[in-house]
Amino acid sequence: MSQQAVSKHLAYLERARLIEKRRQGRRHVCTLRPAPFKEVADLVEHYRIFWEQALNRLDAYLRATEAEEKRRGHKQRH
């Protein structure tokens, strides 16, 4: 990757406030800002829990429906 491409990517990350950039002499030092990543991780965790609960309810419903259909099928044969 070229130096120009790296600089461009770092500029995007800095504008998104995911990194902080400072100069030390002729060097540019980049530091990761963990707060935005924690916000995203918290949001993802919230939705993970939501979908896990929703899928568990769906699974329970489908199992109950399947059991009911088996019970009805068993009654119709007798």
PDB file of N, CA and C in Angstrom:
ATOM      1  N   MET A   1       0.859  -1.170   0.000  1.00  0.00           N
ATOM      2  CA  MET A   1       0.000   0.000   0.000  1.00  0.00           C
ATOM      3  C   MET A   1       0.902   1.229   0.000  1.00  0.00           C
ATOM      4  N   SER A   2       0.545   2.154  -0.808  1.00  0.00           N
ATOM      5  CA  SER A   2       1.373   3.352  -0.917  1.00  0.00           C
ATOM      6  C   SER A   2       1.210   4.241   0.316  1.00  0.00           C
ATOM      7  N   GLN A   3       2.199   5.112   0.516  1.00  0.00           N
ATOM      8  CA  GLN A   3       2.139   6.062   1.645  1.00  0.00           C
ATOM      9  C   GLN A   3       0.946   6.982   1.473  1.00  0.00           C
ATOM     10  N   GLN A   4       0.648   7.352   0.248  1.00  0.00           N
ATOM     11  CA  GLN A   4      -0.497   8.224  -0.025  1.00  0.00           C
ATOM     12  C   GLN A   4      -1.813   7.535   0.348  1.00  0.00           C
ATOM     13  N   ALA A   5      -1.931   6.250   0.044  1.00  0.00           N
ATOM     14  CA  ALA A   5      -3.146   5.500   0.385  1.00  0.00           C
ATOM     15  C   ALA A   5      -3.298   5.375   1.900  1.00  0.00           C
ATOM     16  N   VAL A   6      -2.196   5.120   2.586  1.00  0.00           N
ATOM     17  CA  VAL A   6      -2.229   5.029   4.046  1.00  0.00           C
ATOM     18  C   VAL A   6      -2.664   6.361   4.635  1.00  0.00           C
ATOM     19  N   SER A   7      -2.100   7.442   4.152  1.00  0.00           N
ATOM     20  CA  SER A   7      -2.459   8.771   4.647  1.00  0.00           C
ATOM     21  C   SER A   7      -3.941   9.058   4.427  1.00  0.00           C
ATOM     22  N   LYS A   8      -4.447   8.662   3.272  1.00  0.00           N
ATOM     23  CA  LYS A   8      -5.859   8.880   2.962  1.00  0.00           C
ATOM     24  C   LYS A   8      -6.748   8.099   3.931  1.00  0.00           C
ATOM     25  N   HIS A   9      -6.413   6.837   4.179  1.00  0.00           N
ATOM     26  CA  HIS A   9      -7.185   6.011   5.109  1.00  0.00           C
ATOM     27  C   HIS A   9      -7.130   6.581   6.527  1.00  0.00           C
ATOM     28  N   LEU A  10      -5.957   7.018   6.938  1.00  0.00           N
ATOM     29  CA  LEU A  10      -5.823   7.604   8.271  1.00  0.00           C
ATOM     30  C   LEU A  10      -6.631   8.892   8.386  1.00  0.00           C
ATOM     31  N   ALA A  11      -6.699   9.659   7.319  1.00  0.00           N
ATOM     32  CA  ALA A  11      -7.499  10.892   7.335  1.00  0.00           C
ATOM     33  C   ALA A  11      -8.976  10.561   7.517  1.00  0.00           C
ATOM     34  N   TYR A  12      -9.452   9.520   6.850  1.00  0.00           N
ATOM     35  CA  TYR A  12     -10.845   9.098   7.030  1.00  0.00           C
ATOM     36  C   TYR A  12     -11.104   8.672   8.469  1.00  0.00           C
ATOM     37  N   LEU A  13     -10.181   7.899   9.020  1.00  0.00           N
ATOM     38  CA  LEU A  13     -10.339   7.442  10.412  1.00  0.00           C
ATOM     39  C   LEU A  13     -10.318   8.615  11.383  1.00  0.00           C
ATOM     40  N   GLU A  14      -9.484   9.595  11.095  1.00  0.00           N
ATOM     41  CA  GLU A  14      -9.407  10.777  11.963  1.00  0.00           C
ATOM     42  C   GLU A  14     -10.701  11.591  11.861  1.00  0.00           C
ATOM     43  N   ARG A  15     -11.217  11.775  10.645  1.00  0.00           N
ATOM     44  CA  ARG A  15     -12.478  12.505  10.480  1.00  0.00           C
ATOM     45  C   ARG A  15     -13.642  11.788  11.157  1.00  0.00           C
ATOM     46  N   ALA A  16     -13.583  10.475  11.190  1.00  0.00           N
ATOM     47  CA  ALA A  16     -14.623   9.686  11.859  1.00  0.00           C
ATOM     48  C   ALA A  16     -14.395   9.639  13.373  1.00  0.00           C
ATOM     49  N   ARG A  17     -13.317  10.282  13.811  1.00  0.00           N
ATOM     50  CA  ARG A  17     -12.929  10.346  15.232  1.00  0.00           C
ATOM     51  C   ARG A  17     -12.666   8.956  15.833  1.00  0.00           C
ATOM     52  N   LEU A  18     -12.135   8.070  14.998  1.00  0.00           N
ATOM     53  CA  LEU A  18     -11.756   6.742  15.477  1.00  0.00           C
ATOM     54  C   LEU A  18     -10.296   6.708  15.907  1.00  0.00           C
ATOM     55  N   ILE A  19      -9.528   7.678  15.410  1.00  0.00           N
ATOM     56  CA  ILE A  19      -8.126   7.809  15.824  1.00  0.00           C
ATOM     57  C   ILE A  19      -7.848   9.277  16.112  1.00  0.00           C
ATOM     58  N   GLU A  20      -6.796   9.508  16.872  1.00  0.00           N
ATOM     59  CA  GLU A  20      -6.261  10.855  17.081  1.00  0.00           C
ATOM     60  C   GLU A  20      -4.854  10.864  16.505  1.00  0.00           C
ATOM     61  N   LYS A  21      -4.531  11.936  15.832  1.00  0.00           N
ATOM     62  CA  LYS A  21      -3.213  12.032  15.210  1.00  0.00           C
ATOM     63  C   LYS A  21      -2.490  13.234  15.807  1.00  0.00           C
ATOM     64  N   ARG A  22      -1.213  13.019  16.134  1.00  0.00           N
ATOM     65  CA  ARG A  22      -0.396  14.128  16.646  1.00  0.00           C
ATOM     66  C   ARG A  22       1.003  13.992  16.051  1.00  0.00           C
ATOM     67  N   ARG A  23       1.700  15.098  16.069  1.00  0.00           N
ATOM     68  CA  ARG A  23       3.057  15.102  15.527  1.00  0.00           C
ATOM     69  C   ARG A  23       4.068  15.011  16.653  1.00  0.00           C
ATOM     70  N   GLN A  24       5.089  14.222  16.414  1.00  0.00           N
ATOM     71  CA  GLN A  24       6.272  14.163  17.285  1.00  0.00           C
ATOM     72  C   GLN A  24       7.458  14.393  16.358  1.00  0.00           C
ATOM     73  N   GLY A  25       7.861  15.629  16.308  1.00  0.00           N
ATOM     74  CA  GLY A  25       8.937  15.963  15.360  1.00  0.00           C
ATOM     75  C   GLY A  25       8.422  15.806  13.950  1.00  0.00           C
ATOM     76  N   ARG A  26       9.094  14.969  13.179  1.00  0.00           N
ATOM     77  CA  ARG A  26       8.663  14.738  11.794  1.00  0.00           C
ATOM     78  C   ARG A  26       7.690  13.577  11.686  1.00  0.00           C
ATOM     79  N   ARG A  27       7.480  12.890  12.774  1.00  0.00           N
ATOM     80  CA  ARG A  27       6.597  11.715  12.766  1.00  0.00           C
ATOM     81  C   ARG A  27       5.168  12.094  13.118  1.00  0.00           C
ATOM     82  N   HIS A  28       4.241  11.349  12.574  1.00  0.00           N
ATOM     83  CA  HIS A  28       2.826  11.470  12.926  1.00  0.00           C
ATOM     84  C   HIS A  28       2.473  10.219  13.723  1.00  0.00           C
ATOM     85  N   VAL A  29       1.980  10.413  14.924  1.00  0.00           N
ATOM     86  CA  VAL A  29       1.626   9.288  15.787  1.00  0.00           C
ATOM     87  C   VAL A  29       0.107   9.211  15.864  1.00  0.00           C
ATOM     88  N   CYS A  30      -0.431   8.047  15.583  1.00  0.00           N
ATOM     89  CA  CYS A  30      -1.881   7.837  15.625  1.00  0.00           C
ATOM     90  C   CYS A  30      -2.221   6.987  16.840  1.00  0.00           C
ATOM     91  N   THR A  31      -3.285   7.390  17.507  1.00  0.00           N
ATOM     92  CA  THR A  31      -3.760   6.667  18.684  1.00  0.00           C
ATOM     93  C   THR A  31      -5.216   6.292  18.465  1.00  0.00           C
ATOM     94  N   LEU A  32      -5.513   5.053  18.736  1.00  0.00           N
ATOM     95  CA  LEU A  32      -6.881   4.567  18.615  1.00  0.00           C
ATOM     96  C   LEU A  32      -7.745   5.168  19.716  1.00  0.00           C
ATOM     97  N   ARG A  33      -8.934   5.622  19.373  1.00  0.00           N
ATOM     98  CA  ARG A  33      -9.894   6.140  20.355  1.00  0.00           C
ATOM     99  C   ARG A  33     -10.895   5.021  20.631  1.00  0.00           C
ATOM    100  N   PRO A  34     -10.828   4.378  21.788  1.00  0.00           N
ATOM    101  CA  PRO A  34     -11.672   3.209  22.041  1.00  0.00           C
ATOM    102  C   PRO A  34     -13.156   3.527  22.276  1.00  0.00           C
ATOM    103  N   ALA A  35     -13.501   4.741  22.683  1.00  0.00           N
ATOM    104  CA  ALA A  35     -14.896   5.054  23.025  1.00  0.00           C
ATOM    105  C   ALA A  35     -15.873   4.766  21.876  1.00  0.00           C
ATOM    106  N   PRO A  36     -15.602   5.202  20.642  1.00  0.00           N
ATOM    107  CA  PRO A  36     -16.558   4.909  19.560  1.00  0.00           C
ATOM    108  C   PRO A  36     -16.731   3.405  19.318  1.00  0.00           C
ATOM    109  N   PHE A  37     -15.651   2.652  19.489  1.00  0.00           N
ATOM    110  CA  PHE A  37     -15.739   1.206  19.293  1.00  0.00           C
ATOM    111  C   PHE A  37     -16.589   0.568  20.388  1.00  0.00           C
ATOM    112  N   LYS A  38     -16.490   1.095  21.615  1.00  0.00           N
ATOM    113  CA  LYS A  38     -17.314   0.582  22.704  1.00  0.00           C
ATOM    114  C   LYS A  38     -18.777   0.879  22.441  1.00  0.00           C
ATOM    115  N   GLU A  39     -19.070   2.081  21.920  1.00  0.00           N
ATOM    116  CA  GLU A  39     -20.453   2.424  21.585  1.00  0.00           C
ATOM    117  C   GLU A  39     -21.030   1.439  20.570  1.00  0.00           C
ATOM    118  N   VAL A  40     -20.249   1.131  19.551  1.00  0.00           N
ATOM    119  CA  VAL A  40     -20.702   0.180  18.532  1.00  0.00           C
ATOM    120  C   VAL A  40     -20.873  -1.206  19.151  1.00  0.00           C
ATOM    121  N   ALA A  41     -19.916  -1.624  19.962  1.00  0.00           N
ATOM    122  CA  ALA A  41     -19.997  -2.943  20.597  1.00  0.00           C
ATOM    123  C   ALA A  41     -21.230  -3.031  21.495  1.00  0.00           C
ATOM    124  N   ASP A  42     -21.529  -1.972  22.237  1.00  0.00           N
ATOM    125  CA  ASP A  42     -22.713  -1.960  23.088  1.00  0.00           C
ATOM    126  C   ASP A  42     -23.992  -2.060  22.266  1.00  0.00           C
ATOM    127  N   LEU A  43     -24.042  -1.326  21.161  1.00  0.00           N
ATOM    128  CA  LEU A  43     -25.210  -1.369  20.295  1.00  0.00           C
ATOM    129  C   LEU A  43     -25.392  -2.759  19.693  1.00  0.00           C
ATOM    130  N   VAL A  44     -24.295  -3.334  19.215  1.00  0.00           N
ATOM    131  CA  VAL A  44     -24.351  -4.675  18.637  1.00  0.00           C
ATOM    132  C   VAL A  44     -24.802  -5.678  19.696  1.00  0.00           C
ATOM    133  N   GLU A  45     -24.308  -5.553  20.909  1.00  0.00           N
ATOM    134  CA  GLU A  45     -24.706  -6.459  21.991  1.00  0.00           C
ATOM    135  C   GLU A  45     -26.196  -6.336  22.272  1.00  0.00           C
ATOM    136  N   HIS A  46     -26.712  -5.101  22.267  1.00  0.00           N
ATOM    137  CA  HIS A  46     -28.148  -4.886  22.484  1.00  0.00           C
ATOM    138  C   HIS A  46     -28.960  -5.647  21.430  1.00  0.00           C
ATOM    139  N   TYR A  47     -28.565  -5.504  20.169  1.00  0.00           N
ATOM    140  CA  TYR A  47     -29.288  -6.189  19.102  1.00  0.00           C
ATOM    141  C   TYR A  47     -29.055  -7.693  19.132  1.00  0.00           C
ATOM    142  N   ARG A  48     -27.893  -8.131  19.547  1.00  0.00           N
ATOM    143  CA  ARG A  48     -27.653  -9.575  19.672  1.00  0.00           C
ATOM    144  C   ARG A  48     -28.623 -10.175  20.670  1.00  0.00           C
ATOM    145  N   ILE A  49     -28.778  -9.531  21.824  1.00  0.00           N
ATOM    146  CA  ILE A  49     -29.703 -10.015  22.850  1.00  0.00           C
ATOM    147  C   ILE A  49     -31.132  -9.999  22.313  1.00  0.00           C
ATOM    148  N   PHE A  50     -31.515  -8.891  21.654  1.00  0.00           N
ATOM    149  CA  PHE A  50     -32.860  -8.776  21.095  1.00  0.00           C
ATOM    150  C   PHE A  50     -33.149  -9.933  20.140  1.00  0.00           C
ATOM    151  N   TRP A  51     -32.243 -10.169  19.186  1.00  0.00           N
ATOM    152  CA  TRP A  51     -32.477 -11.213  18.189  1.00  0.00           C
ATOM    153  C   TRP A  51     -32.389 -12.606  18.789  1.00  0.00           C
ATOM    154  N   GLU A  52     -31.522 -12.787  19.756  1.00  0.00           N
ATOM    155  CA  GLU A  52     -31.435 -14.093  20.420  1.00  0.00           C
ATOM    156  C   GLU A  52     -32.757 -14.412  21.119  1.00  0.00           C
ATOM    157  N   GLN A  53     -33.328 -13.444  21.814  1.00  0.00           N
ATOM    158  CA  GLN A  53     -34.608 -13.655  22.494  1.00  0.00           C
ATOM    159  C   GLN A  53     -35.725 -13.889  21.473  1.00  0.00           C
ATOM    160  N   ALA A  54     -35.747 -13.102  20.416  1.00  0.00           N
ATOM    161  CA  ALA A  54     -36.778 -13.267  19.385  1.00  0.00           C
ATOM    162  C   ALA A  54     -36.687 -14.644  18.730  1.00  0.00           C
ATOM    163  N   LEU A  55     -35.477 -15.084  18.425  1.00  0.00           N
ATOM    164  CA  LEU A  55     -35.309 -16.393  17.797  1.00  0.00           C
ATOM    165  C   LEU A  55     -35.628 -17.524  18.762  1.00  0.00           C
ATOM    166  N   ASN A  56     -35.347 -17.338  20.040  1.00  0.00           N
ATOM    167  CA  ASN A  56     -35.725 -18.348  21.036  1.00  0.00           C
ATOM    168  C   ASN A  56     -37.243 -18.472  21.128  1.00  0.00           C
ATOM    169  N   ARG A  57     -37.951 -17.315  21.083  1.00  0.00           N
ATOM    170  CA  ARG A  57     -39.425 -17.350  21.101  1.00  0.00           C
ATOM    171  C   ARG A  57     -39.961 -18.037  19.841  1.00  0.00           C
ATOM    172  N   LEU A  58     -39.369 -17.732  18.697  1.00  0.00           N
ATOM    173  CA  LEU A  58     -39.781 -18.372  17.454  1.00  0.00           C
ATOM    174  C   LEU A  58     -39.552 -19.880  17.528  1.00  0.00           C
ATOM    175  N   ASP A  59     -38.414 -20.289  18.044  1.00  0.00           N
ATOM    176  CA  ASP A  59     -38.104 -21.707  18.181  1.00  0.00           C
ATOM    177  C   ASP A  59     -39.128 -22.400  19.084  1.00  0.00           C
ATOM    178  N   ALA A  60     -39.451 -21.763  20.212  1.00  0.00           N
ATOM    179  CA  ALA A  60     -40.443 -22.348  21.125  1.00  0.00           C
ATOM    180  C   ALA A  60     -41.799 -22.464  20.438  1.00  0.00           C
ATOM    181  N   TYR A  61     -42.186 -21.435  19.683  1.00  0.00           N
ATOM    182  CA  TYR A  61     -43.462 -21.458  18.967  1.00  0.00           C
ATOM    183  C   TYR A  61     -43.476 -22.589  17.936  1.00  0.00           C
ATOM    184  N   LEU A  62     -42.413 -22.716  17.163  1.00  0.00           N
ATOM    185  CA  LEU A  62     -42.352 -23.754  16.142  1.00  0.00           C
ATOM    186  C   LEU A  62     -42.365 -25.149  16.751  1.00  0.00           C
ATOM    187  N   ARG A  63     -41.678 -25.318  17.859  1.00  0.00           N
ATOM    188  CA  ARG A  63     -41.700 -26.627  18.537  1.00  0.00           C
ATOM    189  C   ARG A  63     -43.095 -26.946  19.061  1.00  0.00           C
ATOM    190  N   ALA A  64     -43.768 -25.958  19.634  1.00  0.00           N
ATOM    191  CA  ALA A  64     -45.126 -26.162  20.141  1.00  0.00           C
ATOM    192  C   ALA A  64     -46.079 -26.471  18.988  1.00  0.00           C
ATOM    193  N   THR A  65     -45.930 -25.770  17.884  1.00  0.00           N
ATOM    194  CA  THR A  65     -46.773 -26.006  16.710  1.00  0.00           C
ATOM    195  C   THR A  65     -46.544 -27.398  16.162  1.00  0.00           C
ATOM    196  N   GLU A  66     -45.286 -27.789  16.089  1.00  0.00           N
ATOM    197  CA  GLU A  66     -44.948 -29.129  15.595  1.00  0.00           C
ATOM    198  C   GLU A  66     -45.529 -30.199  16.513  1.00  0.00           C
ATOM    199  N   ALA A  67     -45.419 -29.996  17.816  1.00  0.00           N
ATOM    200  CA  ALA A  67     -45.967 -30.971  18.769  1.00  0.00           C
ATOM    201  C   ALA A  67     -47.485 -31.052  18.632  1.00  0.00           C
ATOM    202  N   GLU A  68     -48.140 -29.911  18.437  1.00  0.00           N
ATOM    203  CA  GLU A  68     -49.591 -29.882  18.263  1.00  0.00           C
ATOM    204  C   GLU A  68     -50.000 -30.609  16.987  1.00  0.00           C
ATOM    205  N   GLU A  69     -49.255 -30.399  15.916  1.00  0.00           N
ATOM    206  CA  GLU A  69     -49.563 -31.090  14.659  1.00  0.00           C
ATOM    207  C   GLU A  69     -49.380 -32.587  14.789  1.00  0.00           C
ATOM    208  N   LYS A  70     -48.364 -33.017  15.492  1.00  0.00           N
ATOM    209  CA  LYS A  70     -48.151 -34.457  15.711  1.00  0.00           C
ATOM    210  C   LYS A  70     -49.286 -35.046  16.534  1.00  0.00           C
ATOM    211  N   ARG A  71     -49.712 -34.276  17.558  1.00  0.00           N
ATOM    212  CA  ARG A  71     -50.795 -34.751  18.415  1.00  0.00           C
ATOM    213  C   ARG A  71     -52.090 -34.858  17.605  1.00  0.00           C
ATOM    214  N   ARG A  72     -52.386 -33.886  16.767  1.00  0.00           N
ATOM    215  CA  ARG A  72     -53.586 -33.923  15.928  1.00  0.00           C
ATOM    216  C   ARG A  72     -53.519 -35.064  14.931  1.00  0.00           C
ATOM    217  N   GLY A  73     -52.350 -35.260  14.339  1.00  0.00           N
ATOM    218  CA  GLY A  73     -52.184 -36.351  13.382  1.00  0.00           C
ATOM    219  C   GLY A  73     -52.373 -37.710  14.046  1.00  0.00           C
ATOM    220  N   HIS A  74     -51.916 -37.839  15.264  1.00  0.00           N
ATOM    221  CA  HIS A  74     -52.043 -39.091  16.007  1.00  0.00           C
ATOM    222  C   HIS A  74     -53.510 -39.359  16.321  1.00  0.00           C
ATOM    223  N   LYS A  75     -54.280 -38.318  16.688  1.00  0.00           N
ATOM    224  CA  LYS A  75     -55.704 -38.466  17.005  1.00  0.00           C
ATOM    225  C   LYS A  75     -56.495 -38.835  15.757  1.00  0.00           C
ATOM    226  N   GLN A  76     -56.141 -38.306  14.600  1.00  0.00           N
ATOM    227  CA  GLN A  76     -56.897 -38.568  13.377  1.00  0.00           C
ATOM    228  C   GLN A  76     -56.715 -39.997  12.917  1.00  0.00           C
ATOM    229  N   ARG A  77     -55.593 -40.615  13.213  1.00  0.00           N
ATOM    230  CA  ARG A  77     -55.343 -41.997  12.781  1.00  0.00           C
ATOM    231  C   ARG A  77     -56.108 -42.985  13.635  1.00  0.00           C
ATOM    232  N   HIS A  78     -56.499 -42.611  14.839  1.00  0.00           N
ATOM    233  CA  HIS A  78     -57.190 -43.559  15.734  1.00  0.00           C
ATOM    234  C   HIS A  78     -58.644 -43.446  15.634  1.00  0.00           C
TER     235      HIS A  78
END
